N, C-alpha and C. Protein backbone atom coordinates (compact mmCIF):
# COMPACT_ATOMS: atom_id res chain seq x y z
N UNK A 1 -38.27 -44.02 -68.42
CA UNK A 1 -39.09 -45.20 -68.59
C UNK A 1 -38.24 -46.46 -68.39
N UNK A 2 -37.02 -46.44 -68.94
CA UNK A 2 -36.14 -47.58 -68.82
C UNK A 2 -35.81 -47.86 -67.35
N UNK A 3 -35.62 -46.78 -66.55
CA UNK A 3 -35.33 -46.94 -65.11
C UNK A 3 -36.51 -47.58 -64.40
N UNK A 4 -37.72 -47.18 -64.73
CA UNK A 4 -38.92 -47.73 -64.09
C UNK A 4 -39.03 -49.22 -64.39
N UNK A 5 -38.78 -49.61 -65.61
CA UNK A 5 -38.84 -51.02 -66.00
C UNK A 5 -37.78 -51.81 -65.24
N UNK A 6 -36.55 -51.27 -65.14
CA UNK A 6 -35.46 -51.95 -64.43
C UNK A 6 -35.79 -52.10 -62.95
N UNK A 7 -36.35 -51.06 -62.36
CA UNK A 7 -36.73 -51.12 -60.95
C UNK A 7 -37.81 -52.17 -60.75
N UNK A 8 -38.80 -52.17 -61.64
CA UNK A 8 -39.87 -53.17 -61.57
C UNK A 8 -39.34 -54.58 -61.70
N UNK A 9 -38.38 -54.80 -62.58
CA UNK A 9 -37.79 -56.12 -62.75
C UNK A 9 -37.01 -56.52 -61.50
N UNK A 10 -36.32 -55.56 -60.91
CA UNK A 10 -35.58 -55.83 -59.67
C UNK A 10 -36.50 -56.24 -58.54
N UNK A 11 -37.62 -55.55 -58.40
CA UNK A 11 -38.59 -55.88 -57.35
C UNK A 11 -39.18 -57.26 -57.61
N UNK A 12 -39.52 -57.56 -58.84
CA UNK A 12 -40.08 -58.87 -59.18
C UNK A 12 -39.08 -59.98 -58.88
N UNK A 13 -37.81 -59.75 -59.19
CA UNK A 13 -36.78 -60.76 -58.92
C UNK A 13 -36.62 -60.98 -57.42
N UNK A 14 -36.64 -59.89 -56.66
CA UNK A 14 -36.53 -60.01 -55.20
C UNK A 14 -37.70 -60.78 -54.63
N UNK A 15 -38.90 -60.49 -55.09
CA UNK A 15 -40.08 -61.21 -54.61
C UNK A 15 -40.00 -62.69 -54.98
N UNK A 16 -39.56 -62.99 -56.18
CA UNK A 16 -39.42 -64.38 -56.61
C UNK A 16 -38.38 -65.10 -55.76
N UNK A 17 -37.25 -64.44 -55.47
CA UNK A 17 -36.21 -65.04 -54.64
C UNK A 17 -36.75 -65.39 -53.26
N UNK A 18 -37.48 -64.45 -52.64
CA UNK A 18 -38.04 -64.71 -51.32
C UNK A 18 -39.01 -65.88 -51.33
N UNK A 19 -39.83 -66.00 -52.35
CA UNK A 19 -40.79 -67.09 -52.39
C UNK A 19 -40.11 -68.42 -52.66
N UNK A 20 -38.99 -68.43 -53.40
CA UNK A 20 -38.29 -69.67 -53.68
C UNK A 20 -37.44 -70.10 -52.49
N UNK A 21 -36.88 -69.15 -51.75
CA UNK A 21 -35.94 -69.50 -50.69
C UNK A 21 -36.60 -70.05 -49.44
N UNK A 22 -37.87 -69.87 -49.26
CA UNK A 22 -38.53 -70.38 -48.06
C UNK A 22 -39.31 -71.64 -48.39
N UNK A 23 -38.86 -72.76 -47.83
CA UNK A 23 -39.59 -74.02 -48.01
C UNK A 23 -40.73 -74.04 -47.01
N UNK A 24 -41.76 -74.84 -47.25
CA UNK A 24 -42.87 -74.90 -46.31
C UNK A 24 -42.41 -75.45 -44.96
N UNK A 25 -43.07 -74.98 -43.89
CA UNK A 25 -42.76 -75.46 -42.56
C UNK A 25 -43.09 -76.94 -42.53
N UNK A 26 -42.14 -77.72 -42.03
CA UNK A 26 -42.33 -79.16 -42.02
C UNK A 26 -43.22 -79.57 -40.86
N UNK A 27 -43.92 -80.68 -41.00
CA UNK A 27 -44.80 -81.21 -39.95
C UNK A 27 -43.99 -82.13 -39.06
N UNK A 28 -44.58 -82.69 -38.01
CA UNK A 28 -43.89 -83.51 -37.02
C UNK A 28 -43.24 -84.74 -37.61
N UNK A 29 -42.06 -85.07 -37.10
CA UNK A 29 -41.30 -86.29 -37.40
C UNK A 29 -41.27 -86.61 -38.89
N UNK A 30 -41.67 -87.82 -39.31
CA UNK A 30 -41.54 -88.21 -40.71
C UNK A 30 -42.40 -87.33 -41.61
N UNK A 31 -43.56 -86.92 -41.12
CA UNK A 31 -44.42 -86.05 -41.91
C UNK A 31 -43.81 -84.66 -42.01
N UNK A 32 -42.79 -84.39 -41.20
CA UNK A 32 -42.15 -83.08 -41.16
C UNK A 32 -40.93 -83.02 -42.07
N UNK A 33 -40.77 -84.01 -42.91
CA UNK A 33 -39.60 -84.09 -43.78
C UNK A 33 -39.78 -83.22 -45.01
N UNK A 34 -38.68 -82.64 -45.44
CA UNK A 34 -38.64 -81.90 -46.69
C UNK A 34 -37.53 -82.52 -47.51
N UNK A 35 -37.86 -83.21 -48.58
CA UNK A 35 -36.89 -83.95 -49.39
C UNK A 35 -36.14 -82.99 -50.29
N UNK A 36 -34.82 -83.12 -50.31
CA UNK A 36 -34.00 -82.33 -51.21
C UNK A 36 -33.97 -83.00 -52.57
N UNK A 37 -34.07 -82.22 -53.61
CA UNK A 37 -34.07 -82.77 -54.97
C UNK A 37 -32.68 -83.26 -55.37
N UNK A 38 -31.61 -82.60 -54.91
CA UNK A 38 -30.27 -82.93 -55.37
C UNK A 38 -29.48 -83.78 -54.39
N UNK A 39 -30.10 -84.34 -53.38
CA UNK A 39 -29.38 -85.09 -52.37
C UNK A 39 -30.32 -86.03 -51.64
N UNK A 40 -29.74 -86.97 -50.92
CA UNK A 40 -30.56 -87.88 -50.13
C UNK A 40 -30.82 -87.32 -48.74
N UNK A 41 -30.17 -86.23 -48.38
CA UNK A 41 -30.37 -85.64 -47.06
C UNK A 41 -31.79 -85.10 -46.94
N UNK A 42 -32.41 -85.38 -45.80
CA UNK A 42 -33.78 -84.96 -45.55
C UNK A 42 -33.83 -84.21 -44.23
N UNK A 43 -34.48 -83.07 -44.23
CA UNK A 43 -34.64 -82.30 -43.00
C UNK A 43 -35.89 -82.77 -42.26
N UNK A 44 -35.75 -83.09 -41.00
CA UNK A 44 -36.91 -83.38 -40.16
C UNK A 44 -36.52 -83.19 -38.70
N UNK A 45 -37.51 -82.83 -37.90
CA UNK A 45 -37.33 -82.67 -36.46
C UNK A 45 -37.60 -84.00 -35.78
N UNK A 46 -36.72 -84.38 -34.88
CA UNK A 46 -36.97 -85.53 -34.02
C UNK A 46 -37.47 -84.98 -32.69
N UNK A 47 -38.20 -85.79 -31.95
CA UNK A 47 -38.66 -85.40 -30.62
C UNK A 47 -38.01 -86.23 -29.52
N UNK A 48 -37.55 -87.42 -29.87
CA UNK A 48 -37.00 -88.34 -28.88
C UNK A 48 -35.49 -88.12 -28.73
N UNK A 49 -35.07 -87.75 -27.54
CA UNK A 49 -33.67 -87.43 -27.27
C UNK A 49 -32.76 -88.63 -27.49
N UNK A 50 -33.16 -89.79 -26.96
CA UNK A 50 -32.32 -90.99 -27.11
C UNK A 50 -32.18 -91.37 -28.58
N UNK A 51 -33.25 -91.25 -29.35
CA UNK A 51 -33.19 -91.55 -30.78
C UNK A 51 -32.29 -90.54 -31.50
N UNK A 52 -32.34 -89.28 -31.08
CA UNK A 52 -31.47 -88.25 -31.67
C UNK A 52 -30.00 -88.54 -31.36
N UNK A 53 -29.71 -88.96 -30.12
CA UNK A 53 -28.33 -89.32 -29.76
C UNK A 53 -27.85 -90.50 -30.61
N UNK A 54 -28.71 -91.51 -30.74
CA UNK A 54 -28.34 -92.69 -31.53
C UNK A 54 -28.08 -92.31 -32.99
N UNK A 55 -28.94 -91.47 -33.56
CA UNK A 55 -28.77 -91.04 -34.95
C UNK A 55 -27.49 -90.22 -35.10
N UNK A 56 -27.22 -89.34 -34.14
CA UNK A 56 -26.01 -88.51 -34.20
C UNK A 56 -24.75 -89.37 -34.15
N UNK A 57 -24.75 -90.38 -33.30
CA UNK A 57 -23.59 -91.28 -33.21
C UNK A 57 -23.44 -92.09 -34.50
N UNK A 58 -24.55 -92.62 -34.98
CA UNK A 58 -24.52 -93.45 -36.19
C UNK A 58 -24.07 -92.66 -37.41
N UNK A 59 -24.58 -91.42 -37.55
CA UNK A 59 -24.29 -90.59 -38.71
C UNK A 59 -23.09 -89.67 -38.51
N UNK A 60 -22.49 -89.73 -37.30
CA UNK A 60 -21.36 -88.86 -36.96
C UNK A 60 -21.71 -87.38 -37.18
N UNK A 61 -22.84 -86.96 -36.60
CA UNK A 61 -23.31 -85.59 -36.72
C UNK A 61 -23.50 -84.97 -35.34
N UNK A 62 -23.49 -83.67 -35.32
CA UNK A 62 -23.86 -82.93 -34.11
C UNK A 62 -25.39 -82.87 -34.04
N UNK A 63 -25.90 -82.50 -32.87
CA UNK A 63 -27.34 -82.35 -32.67
C UNK A 63 -27.67 -80.87 -32.54
N UNK A 64 -28.63 -80.41 -33.31
CA UNK A 64 -29.18 -79.06 -33.15
C UNK A 64 -30.45 -79.23 -32.32
N UNK A 65 -30.40 -78.81 -31.06
CA UNK A 65 -31.55 -78.93 -30.16
C UNK A 65 -32.19 -77.57 -29.99
N UNK A 66 -33.50 -77.51 -30.27
CA UNK A 66 -34.24 -76.26 -30.16
C UNK A 66 -35.27 -76.40 -29.04
N UNK A 67 -35.11 -75.61 -28.00
CA UNK A 67 -36.04 -75.56 -26.88
C UNK A 67 -37.03 -74.45 -27.17
N UNK A 68 -38.31 -74.81 -27.26
CA UNK A 68 -39.30 -73.88 -27.79
C UNK A 68 -40.65 -74.01 -27.09
N UNK A 69 -41.41 -72.95 -27.12
CA UNK A 69 -42.82 -72.95 -26.74
C UNK A 69 -43.60 -72.70 -28.01
N UNK A 70 -43.80 -73.74 -28.79
CA UNK A 70 -44.27 -73.59 -30.17
C UNK A 70 -45.64 -72.94 -30.31
N UNK A 71 -46.51 -73.09 -29.31
CA UNK A 71 -47.87 -72.56 -29.49
C UNK A 71 -48.17 -71.34 -28.62
N UNK A 72 -47.15 -70.79 -27.96
CA UNK A 72 -47.41 -69.62 -27.11
C UNK A 72 -46.29 -68.58 -27.13
N UNK A 73 -45.12 -68.92 -27.63
CA UNK A 73 -43.95 -68.04 -27.57
C UNK A 73 -43.76 -67.33 -28.90
N UNK A 74 -44.07 -66.02 -28.99
CA UNK A 74 -43.93 -65.31 -30.27
C UNK A 74 -42.54 -65.39 -30.90
N UNK A 75 -41.44 -65.22 -30.15
CA UNK A 75 -40.13 -65.36 -30.80
C UNK A 75 -39.89 -66.77 -31.34
N UNK A 76 -40.41 -67.79 -30.64
CA UNK A 76 -40.28 -69.17 -31.11
C UNK A 76 -41.03 -69.36 -32.42
N UNK A 77 -42.23 -68.82 -32.48
CA UNK A 77 -43.04 -68.92 -33.69
C UNK A 77 -42.39 -68.16 -34.84
N UNK A 78 -41.80 -67.01 -34.53
CA UNK A 78 -41.16 -66.20 -35.57
C UNK A 78 -39.94 -66.92 -36.14
N UNK A 79 -39.10 -67.51 -35.27
CA UNK A 79 -37.91 -68.20 -35.77
C UNK A 79 -38.32 -69.46 -36.54
N UNK A 80 -39.41 -70.10 -36.17
CA UNK A 80 -39.89 -71.26 -36.92
C UNK A 80 -40.30 -70.84 -38.33
N UNK A 81 -40.98 -69.70 -38.43
CA UNK A 81 -41.44 -69.21 -39.74
C UNK A 81 -40.29 -68.69 -40.60
N UNK A 82 -39.42 -67.89 -39.99
CA UNK A 82 -38.42 -67.16 -40.77
C UNK A 82 -37.10 -67.90 -40.95
N UNK A 83 -36.77 -68.80 -40.04
CA UNK A 83 -35.47 -69.48 -40.12
C UNK A 83 -35.64 -70.98 -40.38
N UNK A 84 -36.37 -71.67 -39.49
CA UNK A 84 -36.44 -73.12 -39.57
C UNK A 84 -37.16 -73.61 -40.83
N UNK A 85 -37.98 -72.79 -41.43
CA UNK A 85 -38.67 -73.18 -42.66
C UNK A 85 -37.88 -72.78 -43.92
N UNK A 86 -36.74 -72.14 -43.73
CA UNK A 86 -35.94 -71.65 -44.85
C UNK A 86 -35.11 -72.79 -45.45
N UNK A 87 -35.10 -72.89 -46.77
CA UNK A 87 -34.40 -73.98 -47.46
C UNK A 87 -32.90 -73.99 -47.19
N UNK A 88 -32.28 -72.84 -47.11
CA UNK A 88 -30.84 -72.76 -46.82
C UNK A 88 -30.56 -73.41 -45.47
N UNK A 89 -31.35 -73.02 -44.46
CA UNK A 89 -31.21 -73.59 -43.12
C UNK A 89 -31.46 -75.10 -43.14
N UNK A 90 -32.58 -75.51 -43.75
CA UNK A 90 -32.96 -76.92 -43.76
C UNK A 90 -31.91 -77.79 -44.47
N UNK A 91 -31.41 -77.32 -45.59
CA UNK A 91 -30.41 -78.08 -46.33
C UNK A 91 -29.13 -78.26 -45.51
N UNK A 92 -28.69 -77.19 -44.85
CA UNK A 92 -27.47 -77.28 -44.04
C UNK A 92 -27.67 -78.22 -42.86
N UNK A 93 -28.79 -78.09 -42.18
CA UNK A 93 -29.05 -78.95 -41.02
C UNK A 93 -29.17 -80.41 -41.47
N UNK A 94 -29.89 -80.68 -42.54
CA UNK A 94 -30.07 -82.06 -43.00
C UNK A 94 -28.73 -82.73 -43.31
N UNK A 95 -27.81 -81.98 -43.84
CA UNK A 95 -26.52 -82.53 -44.22
C UNK A 95 -25.58 -82.71 -43.02
N UNK A 96 -25.68 -81.83 -42.03
CA UNK A 96 -24.65 -81.77 -40.98
C UNK A 96 -25.12 -82.04 -39.56
N UNK A 97 -26.42 -82.07 -39.31
CA UNK A 97 -26.93 -82.17 -37.94
C UNK A 97 -28.09 -83.15 -37.85
N UNK A 98 -28.36 -83.56 -36.63
CA UNK A 98 -29.62 -84.21 -36.29
C UNK A 98 -30.44 -83.13 -35.59
N UNK A 99 -31.65 -82.86 -36.07
CA UNK A 99 -32.48 -81.79 -35.52
C UNK A 99 -33.40 -82.36 -34.44
N UNK A 100 -33.34 -81.78 -33.24
CA UNK A 100 -34.15 -82.21 -32.11
C UNK A 100 -35.00 -81.05 -31.62
N UNK A 101 -36.31 -81.24 -31.63
CA UNK A 101 -37.23 -80.23 -31.10
C UNK A 101 -37.60 -80.62 -29.68
N UNK A 102 -37.32 -79.72 -28.74
CA UNK A 102 -37.68 -79.92 -27.33
C UNK A 102 -38.74 -78.87 -27.03
N UNK A 103 -39.99 -79.26 -27.17
CA UNK A 103 -41.11 -78.32 -27.16
C UNK A 103 -41.83 -78.32 -25.81
N UNK A 104 -42.29 -77.14 -25.44
CA UNK A 104 -43.06 -76.93 -24.21
C UNK A 104 -44.36 -76.20 -24.53
N UNK A 105 -45.26 -76.87 -25.26
CA UNK A 105 -46.51 -76.21 -25.64
C UNK A 105 -47.45 -76.07 -24.45
N UNK A 106 -48.36 -75.14 -24.56
CA UNK A 106 -49.39 -74.96 -23.52
C UNK A 106 -50.73 -75.51 -23.96
N UNK A 107 -51.01 -75.50 -25.26
CA UNK A 107 -52.31 -75.96 -25.76
C UNK A 107 -52.23 -77.29 -26.50
N UNK A 108 -51.12 -77.57 -27.10
CA UNK A 108 -50.94 -78.79 -27.88
C UNK A 108 -50.66 -79.97 -26.93
N UNK A 109 -51.32 -81.08 -27.17
CA UNK A 109 -51.15 -82.27 -26.33
C UNK A 109 -49.79 -82.93 -26.59
N UNK A 110 -49.18 -83.40 -25.51
CA UNK A 110 -47.95 -84.18 -25.58
C UNK A 110 -48.09 -85.38 -24.65
N UNK A 111 -47.41 -86.45 -24.96
CA UNK A 111 -47.43 -87.61 -24.07
C UNK A 111 -46.73 -87.26 -22.76
N UNK A 112 -47.07 -87.97 -21.71
CA UNK A 112 -46.43 -87.76 -20.41
C UNK A 112 -44.94 -88.04 -20.53
N UNK A 113 -44.57 -89.08 -21.29
CA UNK A 113 -43.16 -89.43 -21.49
C UNK A 113 -42.39 -88.29 -22.14
N UNK A 114 -42.98 -87.68 -23.17
CA UNK A 114 -42.32 -86.58 -23.86
C UNK A 114 -42.20 -85.37 -22.94
N UNK A 115 -43.22 -85.08 -22.16
CA UNK A 115 -43.15 -83.97 -21.21
C UNK A 115 -42.03 -84.20 -20.20
N UNK A 116 -41.93 -85.43 -19.68
CA UNK A 116 -40.86 -85.74 -18.71
C UNK A 116 -39.48 -85.57 -19.35
N UNK A 117 -39.34 -86.11 -20.56
CA UNK A 117 -38.06 -85.99 -21.25
C UNK A 117 -37.69 -84.53 -21.44
N UNK A 118 -38.62 -83.72 -21.95
CA UNK A 118 -38.33 -82.32 -22.23
C UNK A 118 -38.01 -81.53 -20.96
N UNK A 119 -38.73 -81.82 -19.87
CA UNK A 119 -38.43 -81.17 -18.59
C UNK A 119 -37.04 -81.56 -18.09
N UNK A 120 -36.69 -82.83 -18.24
CA UNK A 120 -35.37 -83.30 -17.83
C UNK A 120 -34.27 -82.60 -18.64
N UNK A 121 -34.50 -82.47 -19.95
CA UNK A 121 -33.50 -81.81 -20.80
C UNK A 121 -33.36 -80.33 -20.46
N UNK A 122 -34.48 -79.66 -20.21
CA UNK A 122 -34.42 -78.24 -19.84
C UNK A 122 -33.64 -78.06 -18.54
N UNK A 123 -33.85 -78.96 -17.61
CA UNK A 123 -33.12 -78.89 -16.33
C UNK A 123 -31.64 -79.22 -16.53
N UNK A 124 -31.37 -80.28 -17.27
CA UNK A 124 -29.98 -80.71 -17.52
C UNK A 124 -29.16 -79.60 -18.18
N UNK A 125 -29.76 -78.92 -19.16
CA UNK A 125 -29.03 -77.89 -19.90
C UNK A 125 -29.30 -76.48 -19.40
N UNK A 126 -30.00 -76.37 -18.26
CA UNK A 126 -30.26 -75.08 -17.60
C UNK A 126 -30.89 -74.06 -18.55
N UNK A 127 -31.95 -74.50 -19.23
CA UNK A 127 -32.67 -73.62 -20.16
C UNK A 127 -33.53 -72.67 -19.35
N UNK A 128 -33.34 -71.37 -19.56
CA UNK A 128 -34.08 -70.36 -18.80
C UNK A 128 -34.88 -69.41 -19.69
N UNK A 129 -34.80 -69.59 -21.00
CA UNK A 129 -35.51 -68.70 -21.93
C UNK A 129 -35.86 -69.47 -23.18
N UNK A 130 -36.92 -69.03 -23.82
CA UNK A 130 -37.34 -69.64 -25.09
C UNK A 130 -37.29 -68.59 -26.18
N UNK A 131 -36.87 -68.91 -27.34
CA UNK A 131 -36.23 -70.16 -27.68
C UNK A 131 -34.77 -70.18 -27.22
N UNK A 132 -34.29 -71.36 -26.92
CA UNK A 132 -32.86 -71.61 -26.71
C UNK A 132 -32.45 -72.63 -27.74
N UNK A 133 -31.40 -72.33 -28.45
CA UNK A 133 -30.91 -73.21 -29.50
C UNK A 133 -29.54 -73.69 -29.07
N UNK A 134 -29.37 -75.02 -29.03
CA UNK A 134 -28.10 -75.61 -28.59
C UNK A 134 -27.53 -76.52 -29.66
N UNK A 135 -26.22 -76.57 -29.64
CA UNK A 135 -25.51 -77.55 -30.44
C UNK A 135 -24.89 -78.52 -29.46
N UNK A 136 -25.27 -79.80 -29.63
CA UNK A 136 -24.78 -80.87 -28.75
C UNK A 136 -23.88 -81.80 -29.53
N UNK A 137 -22.88 -82.32 -28.84
CA UNK A 137 -22.04 -83.35 -29.44
C UNK A 137 -22.85 -84.66 -29.51
N UNK A 138 -22.40 -85.62 -30.29
CA UNK A 138 -23.12 -86.90 -30.36
C UNK A 138 -23.24 -87.62 -29.02
N UNK A 139 -22.39 -87.30 -28.05
CA UNK A 139 -22.50 -87.92 -26.73
C UNK A 139 -23.48 -87.16 -25.82
N UNK A 140 -24.08 -86.08 -26.34
CA UNK A 140 -25.07 -85.33 -25.59
C UNK A 140 -24.52 -84.17 -24.77
N UNK A 141 -23.23 -83.92 -24.83
CA UNK A 141 -22.67 -82.78 -24.11
C UNK A 141 -22.81 -81.52 -24.96
N UNK A 142 -22.98 -80.39 -24.27
CA UNK A 142 -23.21 -79.12 -24.96
C UNK A 142 -21.92 -78.56 -25.55
N UNK A 143 -22.00 -78.16 -26.81
CA UNK A 143 -20.89 -77.50 -27.48
C UNK A 143 -21.08 -75.99 -27.43
N UNK A 144 -22.32 -75.52 -27.70
CA UNK A 144 -22.61 -74.09 -27.70
C UNK A 144 -24.11 -73.89 -27.61
N UNK A 145 -24.52 -72.67 -27.27
CA UNK A 145 -25.96 -72.37 -27.23
C UNK A 145 -26.21 -70.89 -27.46
N UNK A 146 -27.44 -70.62 -27.87
CA UNK A 146 -27.93 -69.24 -28.06
C UNK A 146 -29.27 -69.13 -27.35
N UNK A 147 -29.44 -68.07 -26.59
CA UNK A 147 -30.75 -67.77 -26.00
C UNK A 147 -31.36 -66.67 -26.82
N UNK A 148 -32.58 -66.91 -27.28
CA UNK A 148 -33.25 -65.91 -28.10
C UNK A 148 -32.75 -65.95 -29.52
N UNK A 149 -33.40 -65.20 -30.35
CA UNK A 149 -33.09 -65.20 -31.78
C UNK A 149 -33.08 -63.80 -32.37
N UNK A 150 -32.99 -62.80 -31.52
CA UNK A 150 -33.07 -61.42 -31.99
C UNK A 150 -31.69 -60.76 -31.92
N UNK A 151 -31.45 -59.89 -32.88
CA UNK A 151 -30.31 -58.99 -32.85
C UNK A 151 -30.93 -57.61 -32.93
N UNK A 152 -30.92 -56.91 -31.81
CA UNK A 152 -31.64 -55.64 -31.75
C UNK A 152 -33.12 -55.94 -31.90
N UNK A 153 -33.76 -55.32 -32.85
CA UNK A 153 -35.19 -55.54 -33.09
C UNK A 153 -35.44 -56.49 -34.25
N UNK A 154 -34.38 -57.09 -34.80
CA UNK A 154 -34.54 -57.97 -35.97
C UNK A 154 -34.19 -59.41 -35.60
N UNK A 155 -34.92 -60.34 -36.22
CA UNK A 155 -34.62 -61.76 -36.03
C UNK A 155 -33.35 -62.11 -36.79
N UNK A 156 -32.59 -63.03 -36.25
CA UNK A 156 -31.38 -63.49 -36.92
C UNK A 156 -31.78 -64.15 -38.24
N UNK A 157 -31.06 -63.85 -39.28
CA UNK A 157 -31.35 -64.38 -40.60
C UNK A 157 -30.89 -65.84 -40.71
N UNK A 158 -31.52 -66.63 -41.58
CA UNK A 158 -31.13 -68.04 -41.74
C UNK A 158 -29.64 -68.23 -42.02
N UNK A 159 -29.07 -67.38 -42.87
CA UNK A 159 -27.64 -67.52 -43.18
C UNK A 159 -26.77 -67.30 -41.95
N UNK A 160 -27.18 -66.40 -41.05
CA UNK A 160 -26.43 -66.17 -39.82
C UNK A 160 -26.47 -67.41 -38.93
N UNK A 161 -27.61 -68.09 -38.88
CA UNK A 161 -27.70 -69.35 -38.14
C UNK A 161 -26.75 -70.38 -38.74
N UNK A 162 -26.73 -70.46 -40.05
CA UNK A 162 -25.86 -71.42 -40.72
C UNK A 162 -24.40 -71.12 -40.41
N UNK A 163 -24.01 -69.85 -40.43
CA UNK A 163 -22.63 -69.45 -40.12
C UNK A 163 -22.29 -69.89 -38.69
N UNK A 164 -23.19 -69.65 -37.74
CA UNK A 164 -22.98 -70.04 -36.34
C UNK A 164 -22.85 -71.57 -36.23
N UNK A 165 -23.73 -72.30 -36.89
CA UNK A 165 -23.68 -73.76 -36.83
C UNK A 165 -22.40 -74.28 -37.48
N UNK A 166 -22.01 -73.69 -38.60
CA UNK A 166 -20.80 -74.12 -39.30
C UNK A 166 -19.56 -73.86 -38.45
N UNK A 167 -19.51 -72.73 -37.77
CA UNK A 167 -18.37 -72.43 -36.89
C UNK A 167 -18.27 -73.49 -35.78
N UNK A 168 -19.40 -73.86 -35.21
CA UNK A 168 -19.37 -74.89 -34.16
C UNK A 168 -19.03 -76.26 -34.73
N UNK A 169 -19.49 -76.54 -35.93
CA UNK A 169 -19.15 -77.79 -36.59
C UNK A 169 -17.64 -77.88 -36.81
N UNK A 170 -17.04 -76.76 -37.22
CA UNK A 170 -15.58 -76.72 -37.41
C UNK A 170 -14.83 -76.89 -36.10
N UNK A 171 -15.33 -76.26 -35.03
CA UNK A 171 -14.71 -76.42 -33.70
C UNK A 171 -14.74 -77.89 -33.29
N UNK A 172 -15.89 -78.51 -33.46
CA UNK A 172 -16.03 -79.93 -33.10
C UNK A 172 -15.07 -80.79 -33.91
N UNK A 173 -14.99 -80.54 -35.21
CA UNK A 173 -14.08 -81.32 -36.06
C UNK A 173 -12.62 -81.15 -35.64
N UNK A 174 -12.23 -79.94 -35.23
CA UNK A 174 -10.87 -79.71 -34.72
C UNK A 174 -10.66 -80.47 -33.42
N UNK A 175 -11.67 -80.49 -32.54
CA UNK A 175 -11.55 -81.23 -31.28
C UNK A 175 -11.36 -82.72 -31.55
N UNK A 176 -12.11 -83.25 -32.51
CA UNK A 176 -11.98 -84.67 -32.87
C UNK A 176 -10.58 -84.93 -33.43
N UNK A 177 -10.17 -84.07 -34.35
CA UNK A 177 -8.85 -84.23 -34.97
C UNK A 177 -7.73 -84.18 -33.93
N UNK A 178 -7.89 -83.29 -32.93
CA UNK A 178 -6.86 -83.14 -31.90
C UNK A 178 -7.04 -84.12 -30.75
N UNK A 179 -8.07 -84.96 -30.84
CA UNK A 179 -8.30 -85.98 -29.81
C UNK A 179 -8.82 -85.45 -28.50
N UNK A 180 -9.47 -84.28 -28.50
CA UNK A 180 -9.92 -83.67 -27.25
C UNK A 180 -11.30 -84.14 -26.82
N UNK A 181 -12.22 -84.34 -27.74
CA UNK A 181 -13.59 -84.68 -27.37
C UNK A 181 -14.22 -85.47 -28.49
N UNK A 182 -14.97 -86.46 -28.13
CA UNK A 182 -15.72 -87.22 -29.13
C UNK A 182 -17.16 -87.14 -28.92
């Protein structure tokens, strides 16, 4: 009986952890912000590339650029649900990156200007698959990228994304320290 109670408590704790660790998916731009209780850092997606570059330069941050088909690409939708809405991911990005969404929807309306910008960025960075996740320096040059979000049949976990982003953040900081790239 004691084992059954302990197992039940373990399952309840795991379920509670999962529900606490996933923050709600944020909405577009300012409405897409998720305020952190213990910090002034706020997670939100930007859509304007020039504004993201300006923010990255001003805040001395890298840019996390996500090329996505938000309303038609199942892997894009899955990574949005399982990774981008996760509090661990959002907190790390808010503190260390400027988040840029480069979306290619089929049903959702976009301005002609935004479509032109996103097409130009996809061409500039030779995006050939969705989702493609890139880390850009504040000057807009590519530091690293990932095509897709799967490892075998499983989606990459939020902590694995954070480890990848942190490794690139460290590389960039070493480049700055050594005077190689700004």
